[in-house]
């Protein structure tokens, strides 16, 4: 959405839309990186997005993954 309130369509393979409300309570794992991916919390997607925003404001980076995906299985792909 732009500053006028109109929805902007992004034509990019990197565009990830905000999850629909029906997925807000889906469980995710919050990770941070320290010589490997370290899981720090399991919570709902809604809470994890809020946590991610707070971390970004403090200059920290955390990533959210589905509970059945361990980023350590992918070697250096996510680093």
PDB file of N, CA and C in Angstrom:
ATOM      1  N   UNK A   1       0.850  -1.156   0.000  1.00  0.00           N
ATOM      2  CA  UNK A   1       0.000   0.000   0.000  1.00  0.00           C
ATOM      3  C   UNK A   1       0.908   1.235   0.000  1.00  0.00           C
ATOM      4  N   UNK A   2       0.588   2.214  -0.832  1.00  0.00           N
ATOM      5  CA  UNK A   2       1.387   3.430  -0.843  1.00  0.00           C
ATOM      6  C   UNK A   2       0.806   4.466   0.118  1.00  0.00           C
ATOM      7  N   UNK A   3       1.380   5.670   0.129  1.00  0.00           N
ATOM      8  CA  UNK A   3       0.962   6.694   1.092  1.00  0.00           C
ATOM      9  C   UNK A   3      -0.465   7.185   0.855  1.00  0.00           C
ATOM     10  N   UNK A   4      -1.023   6.927  -0.320  1.00  0.00           N
ATOM     11  CA  UNK A   4      -2.402   7.339  -0.592  1.00  0.00           C
ATOM     12  C   UNK A   4      -3.405   6.263  -0.183  1.00  0.00           C
ATOM     13  N   UNK A   5      -2.905   5.111   0.263  1.00  0.00           N
ATOM     14  CA  UNK A   5      -3.784   4.024   0.670  1.00  0.00           C
ATOM     15  C   UNK A   5      -4.107   3.056  -0.455  1.00  0.00           C
ATOM     16  N   UNK A   6      -3.521   3.278  -1.640  1.00  0.00           N
ATOM     17  CA  UNK A   6      -3.776   2.378  -2.768  1.00  0.00           C
ATOM     18  C   UNK A   6      -2.798   1.208  -2.730  1.00  0.00           C
ATOM     19  N   UNK A   7      -3.283   0.041  -3.089  1.00  0.00           N
ATOM     20  CA  UNK A   7      -2.456  -1.149  -3.112  1.00  0.00           C
ATOM     21  C   UNK A   7      -1.545  -1.098  -4.332  1.00  0.00           C
ATOM     22  N   UNK A   8      -0.270  -1.328  -4.099  1.00  0.00           N
ATOM     23  CA  UNK A   8       0.706  -1.372  -5.178  1.00  0.00           C
ATOM     24  C   UNK A   8       0.971  -2.821  -5.562  1.00  0.00           C
ATOM     25  N   UNK A   9       0.967  -3.123  -6.846  1.00  0.00           N
ATOM     26  CA  UNK A   9       1.286  -4.461  -7.328  1.00  0.00           C
ATOM     27  C   UNK A   9       2.775  -4.477  -7.638  1.00  0.00           C
ATOM     28  N   UNK A  10       3.486  -5.416  -7.031  1.00  0.00           N
ATOM     29  CA  UNK A  10       4.920  -5.526  -7.224  1.00  0.00           C
ATOM     30  C   UNK A  10       5.182  -6.718  -8.133  1.00  0.00           C
ATOM     31  N   UNK A  11       5.901  -6.477  -9.219  1.00  0.00           N
ATOM     32  CA  UNK A  11       6.232  -7.540 -10.156  1.00  0.00           C
ATOM     33  C   UNK A  11       7.670  -7.966  -9.896  1.00  0.00           C
ATOM     34  N   UNK A  12       7.843  -8.847  -8.929  1.00  0.00           N
ATOM     35  CA  UNK A  12       9.176  -9.288  -8.550  1.00  0.00           C
ATOM     36  C   UNK A  12       9.093 -10.712  -8.027  1.00  0.00           C
ATOM     37  N   UNK A  13      10.083 -11.513  -8.356  1.00  0.00           N
ATOM     38  CA  UNK A  13      10.114 -12.870  -7.836  1.00  0.00           C
ATOM     39  C   UNK A  13      10.488 -12.882  -6.357  1.00  0.00           C
ATOM     40  N   UNK A  14      10.981 -11.750  -5.815  1.00  0.00           N
ATOM     41  CA  UNK A  14      11.366 -11.654  -4.406  1.00  0.00           C
ATOM     42  C   UNK A  14      10.234 -11.128  -3.539  1.00  0.00           C
ATOM     43  N   UNK A  15       9.134 -10.732  -4.110  1.00  0.00           N
ATOM     44  CA  UNK A  15       8.021 -10.160  -3.356  1.00  0.00           C
ATOM     45  C   UNK A  15       7.337 -11.251  -2.545  1.00  0.00           C
ATOM     46  N   UNK A  16       7.214 -11.025  -1.251  1.00  0.00           N
ATOM     47  CA  UNK A  16       6.512 -11.953  -0.374  1.00  0.00           C
ATOM     48  C   UNK A  16       5.385 -11.172   0.289  1.00  0.00           C
ATOM     49  N   UNK A  17       4.143 -11.500  -0.019  1.00  0.00           N
ATOM     50  CA  UNK A  17       3.026 -10.754   0.564  1.00  0.00           C
ATOM     51  C   UNK A  17       2.878 -11.025   2.057  1.00  0.00           C
ATOM     52  N   UNK A  18       2.270 -10.093   2.756  1.00  0.00           N
ATOM     53  CA  UNK A  18       1.951 -10.297   4.171  1.00  0.00           C
ATOM     54  C   UNK A  18       0.976 -11.466   4.255  1.00  0.00           C
ATOM     55  N   UNK A  19       1.185 -12.376   5.182  1.00  0.00           N
ATOM     56  CA  UNK A  19       0.298 -13.544   5.290  1.00  0.00           C
ATOM     57  C   UNK A  19      -1.149 -13.152   5.556  1.00  0.00           C
ATOM     58  N   UNK A  20      -2.038 -13.960   5.050  1.00  0.00           N
ATOM     59  CA  UNK A  20      -3.458 -13.748   5.282  1.00  0.00           C
ATOM     60  C   UNK A  20      -3.793 -13.979   6.748  1.00  0.00           C
ATOM     61  N   UNK A  21      -4.870 -13.355   7.200  1.00  0.00           N
ATOM     62  CA  UNK A  21      -5.281 -13.439   8.601  1.00  0.00           C
ATOM     63  C   UNK A  21      -5.457 -14.884   9.065  1.00  0.00           C
ATOM     64  N   UNK A  22      -5.883 -15.756   8.177  1.00  0.00           N
ATOM     65  CA  UNK A  22      -6.129 -17.145   8.566  1.00  0.00           C
ATOM     66  C   UNK A  22      -4.841 -17.887   8.960  1.00  0.00           C
ATOM     67  N   UNK A  23      -3.680 -17.331   8.608  1.00  0.00           N
ATOM     68  CA  UNK A  23      -2.408 -17.952   8.962  1.00  0.00           C
ATOM     69  C   UNK A  23      -1.765 -17.311  10.193  1.00  0.00           C
ATOM     70  N   UNK A  24      -2.396 -16.308  10.765  1.00  0.00           N
ATOM     71  CA  UNK A  24      -1.812 -15.551  11.885  1.00  0.00           C
ATOM     72  C   UNK A  24      -1.462 -16.438  13.072  1.00  0.00           C
ATOM     73  N   UNK A  25      -2.217 -17.492  13.292  1.00  0.00           N
ATOM     74  CA  UNK A  25      -1.968 -18.356  14.446  1.00  0.00           C
ATOM     75  C   UNK A  25      -1.103 -19.572  14.096  1.00  0.00           C
ATOM     76  N   UNK A  26      -0.628 -19.659  12.854  1.00  0.00           N
ATOM     77  CA  UNK A  26       0.266 -20.751  12.467  1.00  0.00           C
ATOM     78  C   UNK A  26       1.561 -20.653  13.267  1.00  0.00           C
ATOM     79  N   UNK A  27       2.098 -21.801  13.671  1.00  0.00           N
ATOM     80  CA  UNK A  27       3.340 -21.797  14.452  1.00  0.00           C
ATOM     81  C   UNK A  27       4.550 -21.645  13.552  1.00  0.00           C
ATOM     82  N   UNK A  28       5.501 -20.859  14.017  1.00  0.00           N
ATOM     83  CA  UNK A  28       6.775 -20.675  13.325  1.00  0.00           C
ATOM     84  C   UNK A  28       7.894 -20.763  14.365  1.00  0.00           C
ATOM     85  N   UNK A  29       9.113 -20.889  13.871  1.00  0.00           N
ATOM     86  CA  UNK A  29      10.284 -20.864  14.730  1.00  0.00           C
ATOM     87  C   UNK A  29      11.075 -19.608  14.421  1.00  0.00           C
ATOM     88  N   UNK A  30      11.478 -18.895  15.463  1.00  0.00           N
ATOM     89  CA  UNK A  30      12.285 -17.690  15.323  1.00  0.00           C
ATOM     90  C   UNK A  30      13.740 -18.097  15.525  1.00  0.00           C
ATOM     91  N   UNK A  31      14.607 -17.722  14.578  1.00  0.00           N
ATOM     92  CA  UNK A  31      16.025 -18.065  14.626  1.00  0.00           C
ATOM     93  C   UNK A  31      16.883 -16.803  14.594  1.00  0.00           C
ATOM     94  N   UNK A  32      18.076 -16.911  15.182  1.00  0.00           N
ATOM     95  CA  UNK A  32      19.106 -15.919  14.934  1.00  0.00           C
ATOM     96  C   UNK A  32      20.357 -16.685  14.524  1.00  0.00           C
ATOM     97  N   UNK A  33      21.308 -15.974  13.920  1.00  0.00           N
ATOM     98  CA  UNK A  33      22.505 -16.633  13.404  1.00  0.00           C
ATOM     99  C   UNK A  33      23.707 -16.306  14.275  1.00  0.00           C
ATOM    100  N   UNK A  34      24.407 -17.354  14.724  1.00  0.00           N
ATOM    101  CA  UNK A  34      25.634 -17.212  15.502  1.00  0.00           C
ATOM    102  C   UNK A  34      26.491 -18.432  15.188  1.00  0.00           C
ATOM    103  N   UNK A  35      27.237 -18.364  14.087  1.00  0.00           N
ATOM    104  CA  UNK A  35      28.015 -19.505  13.584  1.00  0.00           C
ATOM    105  C   UNK A  35      27.125 -20.700  13.284  1.00  0.00           C
ATOM    106  N   UNK A  36      25.885 -20.465  13.032  1.00  0.00           N
ATOM    107  CA  UNK A  36      24.875 -21.473  12.733  1.00  0.00           C
ATOM    108  C   UNK A  36      23.535 -20.925  13.169  1.00  0.00           C
ATOM    109  N   UNK A  37      22.478 -21.479  12.643  1.00  0.00           N
ATOM    110  CA  UNK A  37      21.139 -20.999  12.984  1.00  0.00           C
ATOM    111  C   UNK A  37      20.717 -21.553  14.332  1.00  0.00           C
ATOM    112  N   UNK A  38      20.326 -20.659  15.239  1.00  0.00           N
ATOM    113  CA  UNK A  38      19.945 -21.042  16.592  1.00  0.00           C
ATOM    114  C   UNK A  38      18.462 -20.734  16.799  1.00  0.00           C
ATOM    115  N   UNK A  39      17.643 -21.760  17.068  1.00  0.00           N
ATOM    116  CA  UNK A  39      16.229 -21.483  17.343  1.00  0.00           C
ATOM    117  C   UNK A  39      16.101 -20.838  18.721  1.00  0.00           C
ATOM    118  N   UNK A  40      15.344 -19.741  18.787  1.00  0.00           N
ATOM    119  CA  UNK A  40      15.205 -19.057  20.072  1.00  0.00           C
ATOM    120  C   UNK A  40      13.778 -19.047  20.591  1.00  0.00           C
ATOM    121  N   UNK A  41      12.809 -19.315  19.723  1.00  0.00           N
ATOM    122  CA  UNK A  41      11.426 -19.242  20.190  1.00  0.00           C
ATOM    123  C   UNK A  41      10.495 -19.895  19.175  1.00  0.00           C
ATOM    124  N   UNK A  42       9.480 -20.571  19.693  1.00  0.00           N
ATOM    125  CA  UNK A  42       8.362 -21.041  18.878  1.00  0.00           C
ATOM    126  C   UNK A  42       7.175 -20.168  19.249  1.00  0.00           C
ATOM    127  N   UNK A  43       6.480 -19.648  18.261  1.00  0.00           N
ATOM    128  CA  UNK A  43       5.307 -18.824  18.556  1.00  0.00           C
ATOM    129  C   UNK A  43       4.428 -18.728  17.313  1.00  0.00           C
ATOM    130  N   UNK A  44       3.318 -18.021  17.446  1.00  0.00           N
ATOM    131  CA  UNK A  44       2.429 -17.828  16.294  1.00  0.00           C
ATOM    132  C   UNK A  44       3.088 -16.876  15.305  1.00  0.00           C
ATOM    133  N   UNK A  45       2.695 -16.970  14.068  1.00  0.00           N
ATOM    134  CA  UNK A  45       3.229 -16.092  13.028  1.00  0.00           C
ATOM    135  C   UNK A  45       2.969 -14.632  13.376  1.00  0.00           C
ATOM    136  N   UNK A  46       1.806 -14.341  13.898  1.00  0.00           N
ATOM    137  CA  UNK A  46       1.458 -12.972  14.261  1.00  0.00           C
ATOM    138  C   UNK A  46       2.439 -12.416  15.304  1.00  0.00           C
ATOM    139  N   UNK A  47       2.715 -13.167  16.354  1.00  0.00           N
ATOM    140  CA  UNK A  47       3.657 -12.721  17.381  1.00  0.00           C
ATOM    141  C   UNK A  47       5.082 -12.650  16.833  1.00  0.00           C
ATOM    142  N   UNK A  48       5.430 -13.597  15.968  1.00  0.00           N
ATOM    143  CA  UNK A  48       6.776 -13.615  15.396  1.00  0.00           C
ATOM    144  C   UNK A  48       7.026 -12.398  14.509  1.00  0.00           C
ATOM    145  N   UNK A  49       6.023 -11.968  13.771  1.00  0.00           N
ATOM    146  CA  UNK A  49       6.175 -10.775  12.931  1.00  0.00           C
ATOM    147  C   UNK A  49       6.395  -9.547  13.809  1.00  0.00           C
ATOM    148  N   UNK A  50       5.664  -9.441  14.906  1.00  0.00           N
ATOM    149  CA  UNK A  50       5.862  -8.326  15.838  1.00  0.00           C
ATOM    150  C   UNK A  50       7.261  -8.369  16.448  1.00  0.00           C
ATOM    151  N   UNK A  51       7.715  -9.563  16.815  1.00  0.00           N
ATOM    152  CA  UNK A  51       9.058  -9.721  17.363  1.00  0.00           C
ATOM    153  C   UNK A  51      10.113  -9.331  16.331  1.00  0.00           C
ATOM    154  N   UNK A  52       9.907  -9.728  15.089  1.00  0.00           N
ATOM    155  CA  UNK A  52      10.831  -9.389  14.003  1.00  0.00           C
ATOM    156  C   UNK A  52      10.918  -7.874  13.829  1.00  0.00           C
ATOM    157  N   UNK A  53       9.792  -7.190  13.864  1.00  0.00           N
ATOM    158  CA  UNK A  53       9.780  -5.734  13.726  1.00  0.00           C
ATOM    159  C   UNK A  53      10.513  -5.060  14.884  1.00  0.00           C
ATOM    160  N   UNK A  54      10.302  -5.547  16.110  1.00  0.00           N
ATOM    161  CA  UNK A  54      10.999  -4.987  17.272  1.00  0.00           C
ATOM    162  C   UNK A  54      12.508  -5.210  17.159  1.00  0.00           C
ATOM    163  N   UNK A  55      12.903  -6.391  16.720  1.00  0.00           N
ATOM    164  CA  UNK A  55      14.325  -6.695  16.567  1.00  0.00           C
ATOM    165  C   UNK A  55      14.962  -5.772  15.533  1.00  0.00           C
ATOM    166  N   UNK A  56      14.264  -5.553  14.414  1.00  0.00           N
ATOM    167  CA  UNK A  56      14.789  -4.657  13.384  1.00  0.00           C
ATOM    168  C   UNK A  56      14.981  -3.244  13.913  1.00  0.00           C
ATOM    169  N   UNK A  57      14.056  -2.756  14.741  1.00  0.00           N
ATOM    170  CA  UNK A  57      14.175  -1.423  15.322  1.00  0.00           C
ATOM    171  C   UNK A  57      15.401  -1.312  16.229  1.00  0.00           C
ATOM    172  N   UNK A  58      15.815  -2.431  16.807  1.00  0.00           N
ATOM    173  CA  UNK A  58      16.981  -2.450  17.685  1.00  0.00           C
ATOM    174  C   UNK A  58      18.256  -2.833  16.935  1.00  0.00           C
ATOM    175  N   UNK A  59      18.164  -2.935  15.604  1.00  0.00           N
ATOM    176  CA  UNK A  59      19.340  -3.264  14.798  1.00  0.00           C
ATOM    177  C   UNK A  59      19.729  -4.724  14.827  1.00  0.00           C
ATOM    178  N   UNK A  60      18.832  -5.575  15.240  1.00  0.00           N
ATOM    179  CA  UNK A  60      19.077  -7.016  15.309  1.00  0.00           C
ATOM    180  C   UNK A  60      18.367  -7.691  14.144  1.00  0.00           C
ATOM    181  N   UNK A  61      18.891  -8.839  13.757  1.00  0.00           N
ATOM    182  CA  UNK A  61      18.241  -9.577  12.674  1.00  0.00           C
ATOM    183  C   UNK A  61      17.858 -10.966  13.159  1.00  0.00           C
ATOM    184  N   UNK A  62      16.597 -11.282  13.006  1.00  0.00           N
ATOM    185  CA  UNK A  62      16.092 -12.620  13.264  1.00  0.00           C
ATOM    186  C   UNK A  62      15.299 -13.044  12.041  1.00  0.00           C
ATOM    187  N   UNK A  63      15.200 -14.319  11.831  1.00  0.00           N
ATOM    188  CA  UNK A  63      14.433 -14.842  10.702  1.00  0.00           C
ATOM    189  C   UNK A  63      13.390 -15.819  11.223  1.00  0.00           C
ATOM    190  N   UNK A  64      12.309 -15.914  10.487  1.00  0.00           N
ATOM    191  CA  UNK A  64      11.194 -16.789  10.838  1.00  0.00           C
ATOM    192  C   UNK A  64      11.127 -17.927   9.834  1.00  0.00           C
ATOM    193  N   UNK A  65      10.973 -19.135  10.340  1.00  0.00           N
ATOM    194  CA  UNK A  65      10.858 -20.303   9.475  1.00  0.00           C
ATOM    195  C   UNK A  65       9.691 -21.154   9.951  1.00  0.00           C
ATOM    196  N   UNK A  66       9.064 -21.905   9.044  1.00  0.00           N
ATOM    197  CA  UNK A  66       8.030 -22.855   9.471  1.00  0.00           C
ATOM    198  C   UNK A  66       8.649 -23.856  10.456  1.00  0.00           C
ATOM    199  N   UNK A  67       7.853 -24.374  11.368  1.00  0.00           N
ATOM    200  CA  UNK A  67       8.394 -25.276  12.395  1.00  0.00           C
ATOM    201  C   UNK A  67       9.012 -26.539  11.812  1.00  0.00           C
ATOM    202  N   UNK A  68       8.610 -26.939  10.637  1.00  0.00           N
ATOM    203  CA  UNK A  68       9.142 -28.163  10.035  1.00  0.00           C
ATOM    204  C   UNK A  68      10.328 -27.903   9.108  1.00  0.00           C
ATOM    205  N   UNK A  69      10.898 -26.695   9.144  1.00  0.00           N
ATOM    206  CA  UNK A  69      12.046 -26.374   8.301  1.00  0.00           C
ATOM    207  C   UNK A  69      13.193 -25.921   9.199  1.00  0.00           C
ATOM    208  N   UNK A  70      14.301 -26.656   9.136  1.00  0.00           N
ATOM    209  CA  UNK A  70      15.494 -26.302   9.894  1.00  0.00           C
ATOM    210  C   UNK A  70      16.507 -25.706   8.918  1.00  0.00           C
ATOM    211  N   UNK A  71      16.807 -24.393   9.022  1.00  0.00           N
ATOM    212  CA  UNK A  71      17.720 -23.767   8.059  1.00  0.00           C
ATOM    213  C   UNK A  71      19.130 -24.330   8.128  1.00  0.00           C
ATOM    214  N   UNK A  72      19.494 -25.018   9.205  1.00  0.00           N
ATOM    215  CA  UNK A  72      20.819 -25.627   9.300  1.00  0.00           C
ATOM    216  C   UNK A  72      20.987 -26.768   8.308  1.00  0.00           C
ATOM    217  N   UNK A  73      19.904 -27.320   7.794  1.00  0.00           N
ATOM    218  CA  UNK A  73      19.964 -28.397   6.813  1.00  0.00           C
ATOM    219  C   UNK A  73      20.377 -27.896   5.445  1.00  0.00           C
ATOM    220  N   UNK A  74      20.409 -26.589   5.247  1.00  0.00           N
ATOM    221  CA  UNK A  74      20.694 -26.036   3.924  1.00  0.00           C
ATOM    222  C   UNK A  74      22.100 -25.442   3.821  1.00  0.00           C
ATOM    223  N   UNK A  75      22.978 -25.769   4.737  1.00  0.00           N
ATOM    224  CA  UNK A  75      24.352 -25.290   4.697  1.00  0.00           C
ATOM    225  C   UNK A  75      24.437 -23.773   4.753  1.00  0.00           C
ATOM    226  N   UNK A  76      25.113 -23.185   3.771  1.00  0.00           N
ATOM    227  CA  UNK A  76      25.340 -21.737   3.731  1.00  0.00           C
ATOM    228  C   UNK A  76      24.282 -20.976   2.965  1.00  0.00           C
ATOM    229  N   UNK A  77      23.236 -21.644   2.525  1.00  0.00           N
ATOM    230  CA  UNK A  77      22.228 -21.000   1.668  1.00  0.00           C
ATOM    231  C   UNK A  77      21.595 -19.777   2.306  1.00  0.00           C
ATOM    232  N   UNK A  78      21.263 -19.814   3.600  1.00  0.00           N
ATOM    233  CA  UNK A  78      20.574 -18.718   4.257  1.00  0.00           C
ATOM    234  C   UNK A  78      21.532 -17.723   4.924  1.00  0.00           C
ATOM    235  N   UNK A  79      22.832 -17.940   4.880  1.00  0.00           N
ATOM    236  CA  UNK A  79      23.791 -17.062   5.563  1.00  0.00           C
ATOM    237  C   UNK A  79      23.987 -15.767   4.832  1.00  0.00           C
TER     238      UNK A  79
END
